[in-house]
Amino acid sequence: MIHLEAGGATATVDPDAGGRLASLVVGGAERLVTEGGGPTMWGCFPMAPWAGRVRDGRFRWAGVERQLPLRLPPHAMHGTVLDRPWEVVAADERRATLRIDLGPDWPWAGHALHELELWPGRLDLRLEVHTGGESFPA
């Protein structure tokens, strides 16, 4: 776990649980659901290389039909990284940077970077998706 603190606010990042923000306490009150029955039921998690649903897990890109794993049948949901461990690239008392390859369930090489920075009065989140050279939808 990575613990961030700034101006009385605290945040906990769990790299092993999909790189998610597992807790955010502001003004002494927890602002997130901190536990749930599955990876989409708690915290604030990065969704890459796509967010939302891909109907039936199928799409066409550059003339080729692609099939993704169905996380919530009959649909592919919220990307390929929300329940896989992320590598901690850097972390200090206010910032964390995490990295993950998009994985075997994504048909192209690439990775995601997730940056979190806690300030007094705000939390900045940045999610980037990088290709491995070949363009792809994200």
N, C-alpha and C. Protein backbone atom coordinates (compact mmCIF):
# COMPACT_ATOMS: atom_id res chain seq x y z
N MET A 1 0.84 -1.18 0.00
CA MET A 1 0.00 0.00 0.00
C MET A 1 0.88 1.25 0.00
N ILE A 2 0.39 2.26 -0.67
CA ILE A 2 1.05 3.56 -0.68
C ILE A 2 0.13 4.55 0.03
N HIS A 3 0.68 5.26 1.01
CA HIS A 3 -0.11 6.22 1.78
C HIS A 3 0.34 7.63 1.43
N LEU A 4 -0.62 8.45 1.00
CA LEU A 4 -0.37 9.83 0.64
C LEU A 4 -1.04 10.73 1.68
N GLU A 5 -0.44 11.90 1.92
CA GLU A 5 -1.01 12.83 2.90
C GLU A 5 -0.69 14.25 2.48
N ALA A 6 -1.71 15.13 2.61
CA ALA A 6 -1.51 16.55 2.32
C ALA A 6 -2.63 17.35 2.97
N GLY A 7 -2.27 18.32 3.78
CA GLY A 7 -3.24 19.23 4.35
C GLY A 7 -4.38 18.58 5.10
N GLY A 8 -4.11 17.49 5.81
CA GLY A 8 -5.15 16.81 6.58
C GLY A 8 -5.91 15.76 5.79
N ALA A 9 -5.74 15.69 4.49
CA ALA A 9 -6.36 14.65 3.68
C ALA A 9 -5.39 13.48 3.54
N THR A 10 -5.93 12.28 3.45
CA THR A 10 -5.11 11.10 3.22
C THR A 10 -5.71 10.27 2.09
N ALA A 11 -4.83 9.59 1.40
CA ALA A 11 -5.25 8.69 0.33
C ALA A 11 -4.39 7.43 0.42
N THR A 12 -5.01 6.30 0.14
CA THR A 12 -4.30 5.03 0.11
C THR A 12 -4.44 4.44 -1.29
N VAL A 13 -3.31 4.10 -1.89
CA VAL A 13 -3.27 3.51 -3.22
C VAL A 13 -2.85 2.06 -3.06
N ASP A 14 -3.57 1.15 -3.70
CA ASP A 14 -3.27 -0.27 -3.62
C ASP A 14 -2.80 -0.77 -4.99
N PRO A 15 -1.47 -0.80 -5.20
CA PRO A 15 -0.96 -1.26 -6.50
C PRO A 15 -1.36 -2.69 -6.83
N ASP A 16 -1.49 -3.55 -5.82
CA ASP A 16 -1.80 -4.96 -6.08
C ASP A 16 -3.26 -5.19 -6.45
N ALA A 17 -4.14 -4.25 -6.14
CA ALA A 17 -5.57 -4.38 -6.43
C ALA A 17 -5.94 -3.49 -7.62
N GLY A 18 -5.21 -3.63 -8.71
CA GLY A 18 -5.53 -2.88 -9.91
C GLY A 18 -5.09 -1.44 -9.90
N GLY A 19 -4.12 -1.09 -9.04
CA GLY A 19 -3.63 0.28 -9.00
C GLY A 19 -4.66 1.28 -8.53
N ARG A 20 -5.61 0.82 -7.75
CA ARG A 20 -6.75 1.65 -7.38
C ARG A 20 -6.49 2.55 -6.19
N LEU A 21 -7.22 3.63 -6.16
CA LEU A 21 -7.33 4.47 -4.98
C LEU A 21 -8.27 3.71 -4.05
N ALA A 22 -7.74 3.17 -2.96
CA ALA A 22 -8.50 2.31 -2.07
C ALA A 22 -9.21 3.09 -0.96
N SER A 23 -8.69 4.29 -0.65
CA SER A 23 -9.29 5.11 0.40
C SER A 23 -8.95 6.57 0.12
N LEU A 24 -9.90 7.44 0.41
CA LEU A 24 -9.68 8.88 0.34
C LEU A 24 -10.43 9.50 1.51
N VAL A 25 -9.68 10.04 2.47
CA VAL A 25 -10.27 10.65 3.67
C VAL A 25 -10.04 12.14 3.60
N VAL A 26 -11.15 12.89 3.60
CA VAL A 26 -11.11 14.35 3.57
C VAL A 26 -12.03 14.86 4.67
N GLY A 27 -11.54 15.81 5.46
CA GLY A 27 -12.36 16.33 6.55
C GLY A 27 -12.75 15.28 7.56
N GLY A 28 -11.90 14.27 7.70
CA GLY A 28 -12.17 13.20 8.67
C GLY A 28 -13.16 12.15 8.19
N ALA A 29 -13.67 12.25 6.95
CA ALA A 29 -14.67 11.30 6.46
C ALA A 29 -14.14 10.56 5.23
N GLU A 30 -14.38 9.26 5.22
CA GLU A 30 -14.04 8.43 4.07
C GLU A 30 -14.95 8.81 2.90
N ARG A 31 -14.38 9.01 1.73
CA ARG A 31 -15.15 9.45 0.56
C ARG A 31 -15.37 8.35 -0.47
N LEU A 32 -14.81 7.16 -0.25
CA LEU A 32 -14.95 6.06 -1.19
C LEU A 32 -15.56 4.84 -0.51
N VAL A 33 -16.13 3.97 -1.32
CA VAL A 33 -16.50 2.64 -0.86
C VAL A 33 -15.19 1.86 -0.77
N THR A 34 -14.85 1.33 0.39
CA THR A 34 -13.52 0.75 0.60
C THR A 34 -13.48 -0.78 0.53
N GLU A 35 -14.60 -1.42 0.31
CA GLU A 35 -14.60 -2.87 0.11
C GLU A 35 -15.83 -3.25 -0.68
N GLY A 36 -15.76 -4.39 -1.36
CA GLY A 36 -16.89 -4.81 -2.17
C GLY A 36 -16.72 -6.23 -2.65
N GLY A 37 -17.76 -6.73 -3.30
CA GLY A 37 -17.81 -8.11 -3.73
C GLY A 37 -17.06 -8.41 -5.01
N GLY A 38 -16.43 -7.44 -5.60
CA GLY A 38 -15.68 -7.66 -6.82
C GLY A 38 -14.88 -6.42 -7.18
N PRO A 39 -14.01 -6.52 -8.18
CA PRO A 39 -13.10 -5.41 -8.47
C PRO A 39 -13.78 -4.13 -8.93
N THR A 40 -15.02 -4.22 -9.42
CA THR A 40 -15.70 -3.00 -9.87
C THR A 40 -16.59 -2.40 -8.78
N MET A 41 -16.60 -2.99 -7.60
CA MET A 41 -17.53 -2.58 -6.56
C MET A 41 -16.92 -1.69 -5.48
N TRP A 42 -15.62 -1.36 -5.58
CA TRP A 42 -15.02 -0.55 -4.52
C TRP A 42 -13.86 0.27 -5.07
N GLY A 43 -13.54 1.33 -4.34
CA GLY A 43 -12.40 2.17 -4.68
C GLY A 43 -12.62 2.96 -5.96
N CYS A 44 -11.54 3.51 -6.43
CA CYS A 44 -11.52 4.30 -7.66
C CYS A 44 -10.38 3.71 -8.50
N PHE A 45 -10.70 3.01 -9.56
CA PHE A 45 -9.71 2.23 -10.29
C PHE A 45 -9.51 2.76 -11.71
N PRO A 46 -8.28 2.67 -12.20
CA PRO A 46 -8.04 3.07 -13.59
C PRO A 46 -8.62 2.04 -14.55
N MET A 47 -9.22 2.56 -15.61
CA MET A 47 -9.80 1.73 -16.66
C MET A 47 -9.01 1.99 -17.94
N ALA A 48 -8.25 1.00 -18.38
CA ALA A 48 -7.45 1.15 -19.59
C ALA A 48 -7.35 -0.22 -20.27
N PRO A 49 -7.28 -0.27 -21.55
CA PRO A 49 -7.21 0.84 -22.48
C PRO A 49 -8.57 1.41 -22.87
N TRP A 50 -9.65 0.98 -22.22
CA TRP A 50 -10.94 1.60 -22.46
C TRP A 50 -11.73 1.65 -21.16
N ALA A 51 -12.70 2.55 -21.12
CA ALA A 51 -13.64 2.64 -20.00
C ALA A 51 -15.03 2.30 -20.51
N GLY A 52 -15.83 1.72 -19.65
CA GLY A 52 -17.19 1.37 -20.04
C GLY A 52 -17.27 0.00 -20.67
N ARG A 53 -18.31 -0.18 -21.49
CA ARG A 53 -18.59 -1.49 -22.09
C ARG A 53 -18.20 -1.54 -23.55
N VAL A 54 -17.73 -2.71 -23.94
CA VAL A 54 -17.62 -3.04 -25.36
C VAL A 54 -18.66 -4.14 -25.58
N ARG A 55 -19.70 -3.80 -26.32
CA ARG A 55 -20.83 -4.72 -26.51
C ARG A 55 -20.34 -6.07 -27.05
N ASP A 56 -20.72 -7.12 -26.36
CA ASP A 56 -20.35 -8.50 -26.71
C ASP A 56 -18.85 -8.72 -26.78
N GLY A 57 -18.05 -7.74 -26.32
CA GLY A 57 -16.60 -7.85 -26.32
C GLY A 57 -15.99 -7.83 -27.71
N ARG A 58 -16.77 -7.40 -28.72
CA ARG A 58 -16.28 -7.43 -30.11
C ARG A 58 -16.21 -6.03 -30.69
N PHE A 59 -15.16 -5.79 -31.45
CA PHE A 59 -15.05 -4.56 -32.21
C PHE A 59 -14.14 -4.79 -33.41
N ARG A 60 -14.24 -3.88 -34.37
CA ARG A 60 -13.43 -3.96 -35.58
C ARG A 60 -12.47 -2.78 -35.57
N TRP A 61 -11.18 -3.06 -35.83
CA TRP A 61 -10.16 -2.01 -35.92
C TRP A 61 -9.27 -2.32 -37.12
N ALA A 62 -9.11 -1.35 -38.00
CA ALA A 62 -8.29 -1.49 -39.20
C ALA A 62 -8.70 -2.71 -40.02
N GLY A 63 -10.03 -2.95 -40.06
CA GLY A 63 -10.57 -4.03 -40.86
C GLY A 63 -10.49 -5.41 -40.24
N VAL A 64 -10.02 -5.50 -39.00
CA VAL A 64 -9.88 -6.80 -38.33
C VAL A 64 -10.85 -6.87 -37.16
N GLU A 65 -11.63 -7.95 -37.09
CA GLU A 65 -12.55 -8.18 -35.98
C GLU A 65 -11.75 -8.65 -34.77
N ARG A 66 -12.01 -8.04 -33.62
CA ARG A 66 -11.31 -8.40 -32.37
C ARG A 66 -12.32 -8.88 -31.34
N GLN A 67 -11.90 -9.83 -30.51
CA GLN A 67 -12.74 -10.34 -29.42
C GLN A 67 -12.00 -10.16 -28.11
N LEU A 68 -12.64 -9.51 -27.15
CA LEU A 68 -12.08 -9.31 -25.82
C LEU A 68 -12.74 -10.25 -24.82
N PRO A 69 -12.07 -10.56 -23.72
CA PRO A 69 -12.70 -11.38 -22.67
C PRO A 69 -13.93 -10.66 -22.11
N LEU A 70 -14.93 -11.43 -21.76
CA LEU A 70 -16.19 -10.87 -21.25
C LEU A 70 -16.15 -10.81 -19.74
N ARG A 71 -15.80 -9.64 -19.20
CA ARG A 71 -15.70 -9.46 -17.75
C ARG A 71 -17.09 -9.50 -17.10
N LEU A 72 -18.07 -8.91 -17.74
CA LEU A 72 -19.45 -8.93 -17.25
C LEU A 72 -20.33 -9.38 -18.42
N PRO A 73 -20.39 -10.71 -18.65
CA PRO A 73 -21.11 -11.22 -19.82
C PRO A 73 -22.51 -10.60 -19.92
N PRO A 74 -22.88 -10.20 -21.11
CA PRO A 74 -22.22 -10.52 -22.37
C PRO A 74 -21.22 -9.47 -22.84
N HIS A 75 -20.71 -8.61 -21.97
CA HIS A 75 -19.88 -7.49 -22.40
C HIS A 75 -18.47 -7.55 -21.81
N ALA A 76 -17.54 -6.92 -22.51
CA ALA A 76 -16.20 -6.65 -21.99
C ALA A 76 -16.31 -5.32 -21.24
N MET A 77 -15.74 -5.25 -20.03
CA MET A 77 -15.94 -4.08 -19.18
C MET A 77 -14.63 -3.49 -18.68
N HIS A 78 -14.52 -2.18 -18.75
CA HIS A 78 -13.55 -1.37 -18.01
C HIS A 78 -12.08 -1.71 -18.24
N GLY A 79 -11.74 -2.25 -19.38
CA GLY A 79 -10.35 -2.46 -19.73
C GLY A 79 -9.77 -3.76 -19.23
N THR A 80 -8.44 -3.84 -19.30
CA THR A 80 -7.73 -5.09 -19.00
C THR A 80 -6.87 -5.00 -17.74
N VAL A 81 -6.90 -3.87 -17.02
CA VAL A 81 -5.92 -3.67 -15.95
C VAL A 81 -6.51 -3.46 -14.56
N LEU A 82 -7.83 -3.43 -14.42
CA LEU A 82 -8.43 -3.03 -13.14
C LEU A 82 -8.25 -4.03 -12.01
N ASP A 83 -7.88 -5.26 -12.31
CA ASP A 83 -7.72 -6.25 -11.24
C ASP A 83 -6.35 -6.93 -11.28
N ARG A 84 -5.40 -6.30 -11.98
CA ARG A 84 -4.04 -6.84 -12.05
C ARG A 84 -3.08 -5.96 -11.27
N PRO A 85 -2.00 -6.51 -10.73
CA PRO A 85 -1.02 -5.69 -9.99
C PRO A 85 -0.29 -4.71 -10.90
N TRP A 86 -0.07 -3.51 -10.39
CA TRP A 86 0.67 -2.46 -11.07
C TRP A 86 2.04 -2.33 -10.43
N GLU A 87 3.03 -1.94 -11.22
CA GLU A 87 4.38 -1.68 -10.73
C GLU A 87 4.44 -0.25 -10.18
N VAL A 88 5.06 -0.10 -9.02
CA VAL A 88 5.27 1.23 -8.46
C VAL A 88 6.53 1.81 -9.08
N VAL A 89 6.38 2.86 -9.87
CA VAL A 89 7.51 3.52 -10.52
C VAL A 89 8.16 4.51 -9.56
N ALA A 90 7.33 5.26 -8.84
CA ALA A 90 7.81 6.24 -7.87
C ALA A 90 6.71 6.52 -6.86
N ALA A 91 7.12 6.88 -5.64
CA ALA A 91 6.13 7.24 -4.61
C ALA A 91 6.83 8.05 -3.53
N ASP A 92 6.12 9.05 -3.02
CA ASP A 92 6.57 9.79 -1.85
C ASP A 92 5.33 10.13 -1.02
N GLU A 93 5.43 11.09 -0.11
CA GLU A 93 4.31 11.36 0.80
C GLU A 93 3.10 12.00 0.11
N ARG A 94 3.27 12.54 -1.10
CA ARG A 94 2.14 13.18 -1.78
C ARG A 94 1.85 12.63 -3.17
N ARG A 95 2.77 11.86 -3.75
CA ARG A 95 2.63 11.43 -5.13
C ARG A 95 2.95 9.94 -5.31
N ALA A 96 2.28 9.37 -6.30
CA ALA A 96 2.59 7.99 -6.70
C ALA A 96 2.44 7.88 -8.21
N THR A 97 3.35 7.13 -8.81
CA THR A 97 3.27 6.82 -10.24
C THR A 97 3.33 5.31 -10.39
N LEU A 98 2.36 4.74 -11.09
CA LEU A 98 2.25 3.30 -11.29
C LEU A 98 2.28 3.02 -12.79
N ARG A 99 2.72 1.81 -13.14
CA ARG A 99 2.81 1.40 -14.55
C ARG A 99 2.34 -0.04 -14.68
N ILE A 100 1.71 -0.34 -15.83
CA ILE A 100 1.30 -1.72 -16.12
C ILE A 100 1.28 -1.93 -17.63
N ASP A 101 1.69 -3.12 -18.06
CA ASP A 101 1.50 -3.50 -19.46
C ASP A 101 0.01 -3.78 -19.66
N LEU A 102 -0.49 -3.50 -20.84
CA LEU A 102 -1.92 -3.68 -21.09
C LEU A 102 -2.33 -5.14 -21.06
N GLY A 103 -1.37 -6.02 -21.21
CA GLY A 103 -1.60 -7.41 -20.89
C GLY A 103 -1.99 -8.33 -22.03
N PRO A 104 -2.07 -9.60 -21.70
CA PRO A 104 -2.33 -10.62 -22.71
C PRO A 104 -3.74 -10.56 -23.30
N ASP A 105 -4.68 -9.90 -22.61
CA ASP A 105 -6.05 -9.83 -23.11
C ASP A 105 -6.27 -8.68 -24.08
N TRP A 106 -5.25 -7.84 -24.30
CA TRP A 106 -5.34 -6.74 -25.25
C TRP A 106 -4.51 -7.11 -26.48
N PRO A 107 -5.05 -6.97 -27.68
CA PRO A 107 -4.37 -7.49 -28.86
C PRO A 107 -3.12 -6.72 -29.31
N TRP A 108 -2.77 -5.63 -28.65
CA TRP A 108 -1.61 -4.83 -29.05
C TRP A 108 -0.67 -4.62 -27.87
N ALA A 109 0.59 -4.40 -28.18
CA ALA A 109 1.58 -4.05 -27.14
C ALA A 109 1.32 -2.62 -26.69
N GLY A 110 1.49 -2.40 -25.41
CA GLY A 110 1.33 -1.05 -24.86
C GLY A 110 1.33 -1.10 -23.35
N HIS A 111 1.30 0.07 -22.74
CA HIS A 111 1.27 0.15 -21.28
C HIS A 111 0.47 1.37 -20.85
N ALA A 112 0.12 1.38 -19.58
CA ALA A 112 -0.59 2.51 -18.98
C ALA A 112 0.25 3.06 -17.84
N LEU A 113 0.18 4.37 -17.65
CA LEU A 113 0.78 5.05 -16.51
C LEU A 113 -0.35 5.72 -15.73
N HIS A 114 -0.30 5.55 -14.41
CA HIS A 114 -1.31 6.15 -13.53
C HIS A 114 -0.57 7.01 -12.52
N GLU A 115 -0.87 8.30 -12.53
CA GLU A 115 -0.23 9.24 -11.60
C GLU A 115 -1.28 9.81 -10.67
N LEU A 116 -0.98 9.81 -9.39
CA LEU A 116 -1.87 10.36 -8.37
C LEU A 116 -1.07 11.39 -7.57
N GLU A 117 -1.67 12.53 -7.31
CA GLU A 117 -1.01 13.56 -6.50
C GLU A 117 -2.04 14.20 -5.59
N LEU A 118 -1.78 14.13 -4.30
CA LEU A 118 -2.68 14.67 -3.29
C LEU A 118 -2.18 16.04 -2.86
N TRP A 119 -3.06 17.01 -2.90
CA TRP A 119 -2.78 18.38 -2.49
C TRP A 119 -3.75 18.74 -1.37
N PRO A 120 -3.44 19.77 -0.57
CA PRO A 120 -4.47 20.26 0.35
C PRO A 120 -5.67 20.75 -0.48
N GLY A 121 -6.79 20.12 -0.32
CA GLY A 121 -8.00 20.55 -1.01
C GLY A 121 -8.28 19.90 -2.35
N ARG A 122 -7.38 19.02 -2.87
CA ARG A 122 -7.69 18.35 -4.14
C ARG A 122 -6.82 17.12 -4.35
N LEU A 123 -7.30 16.26 -5.21
CA LEU A 123 -6.56 15.08 -5.65
C LEU A 123 -6.49 15.12 -7.17
N ASP A 124 -5.29 15.10 -7.72
CA ASP A 124 -5.10 15.06 -9.17
C ASP A 124 -4.82 13.63 -9.59
N LEU A 125 -5.56 13.15 -10.59
CA LEU A 125 -5.36 11.82 -11.16
C LEU A 125 -5.08 11.98 -12.64
N ARG A 126 -4.11 11.24 -13.13
CA ARG A 126 -3.78 11.27 -14.55
C ARG A 126 -3.56 9.83 -15.01
N LEU A 127 -4.20 9.47 -16.11
CA LEU A 127 -4.06 8.14 -16.68
C LEU A 127 -3.66 8.30 -18.14
N GLU A 128 -2.55 7.68 -18.52
CA GLU A 128 -2.06 7.72 -19.90
C GLU A 128 -2.01 6.30 -20.43
N VAL A 129 -2.34 6.15 -21.71
CA VAL A 129 -2.20 4.88 -22.41
C VAL A 129 -1.17 5.10 -23.53
N HIS A 130 -0.16 4.24 -23.57
CA HIS A 130 0.92 4.35 -24.55
C HIS A 130 0.93 3.11 -25.43
N THR A 131 1.09 3.31 -26.72
CA THR A 131 1.18 2.18 -27.64
C THR A 131 2.59 1.62 -27.61
N GLY A 132 2.71 0.42 -28.09
CA GLY A 132 4.02 -0.19 -28.26
C GLY A 132 4.56 0.08 -29.65
N GLY A 133 3.98 1.03 -30.36
CA GLY A 133 4.42 1.39 -31.70
C GLY A 133 3.30 1.37 -32.71
N GLU A 134 2.42 0.37 -32.64
CA GLU A 134 1.30 0.25 -33.56
C GLU A 134 0.08 0.97 -32.96
N SER A 135 -0.60 1.77 -33.77
CA SER A 135 -1.76 2.49 -33.24
C SER A 135 -2.88 1.51 -32.89
N PHE A 136 -3.67 1.89 -31.89
CA PHE A 136 -4.84 1.10 -31.50
C PHE A 136 -5.85 2.03 -30.83
N PRO A 137 -7.11 1.59 -30.75
CA PRO A 137 -8.12 2.41 -30.09
C PRO A 137 -7.93 2.38 -28.59
N ALA A 138 -8.21 3.50 -27.96
CA ALA A 138 -8.13 3.56 -26.49
C ALA A 138 -9.10 4.59 -25.98
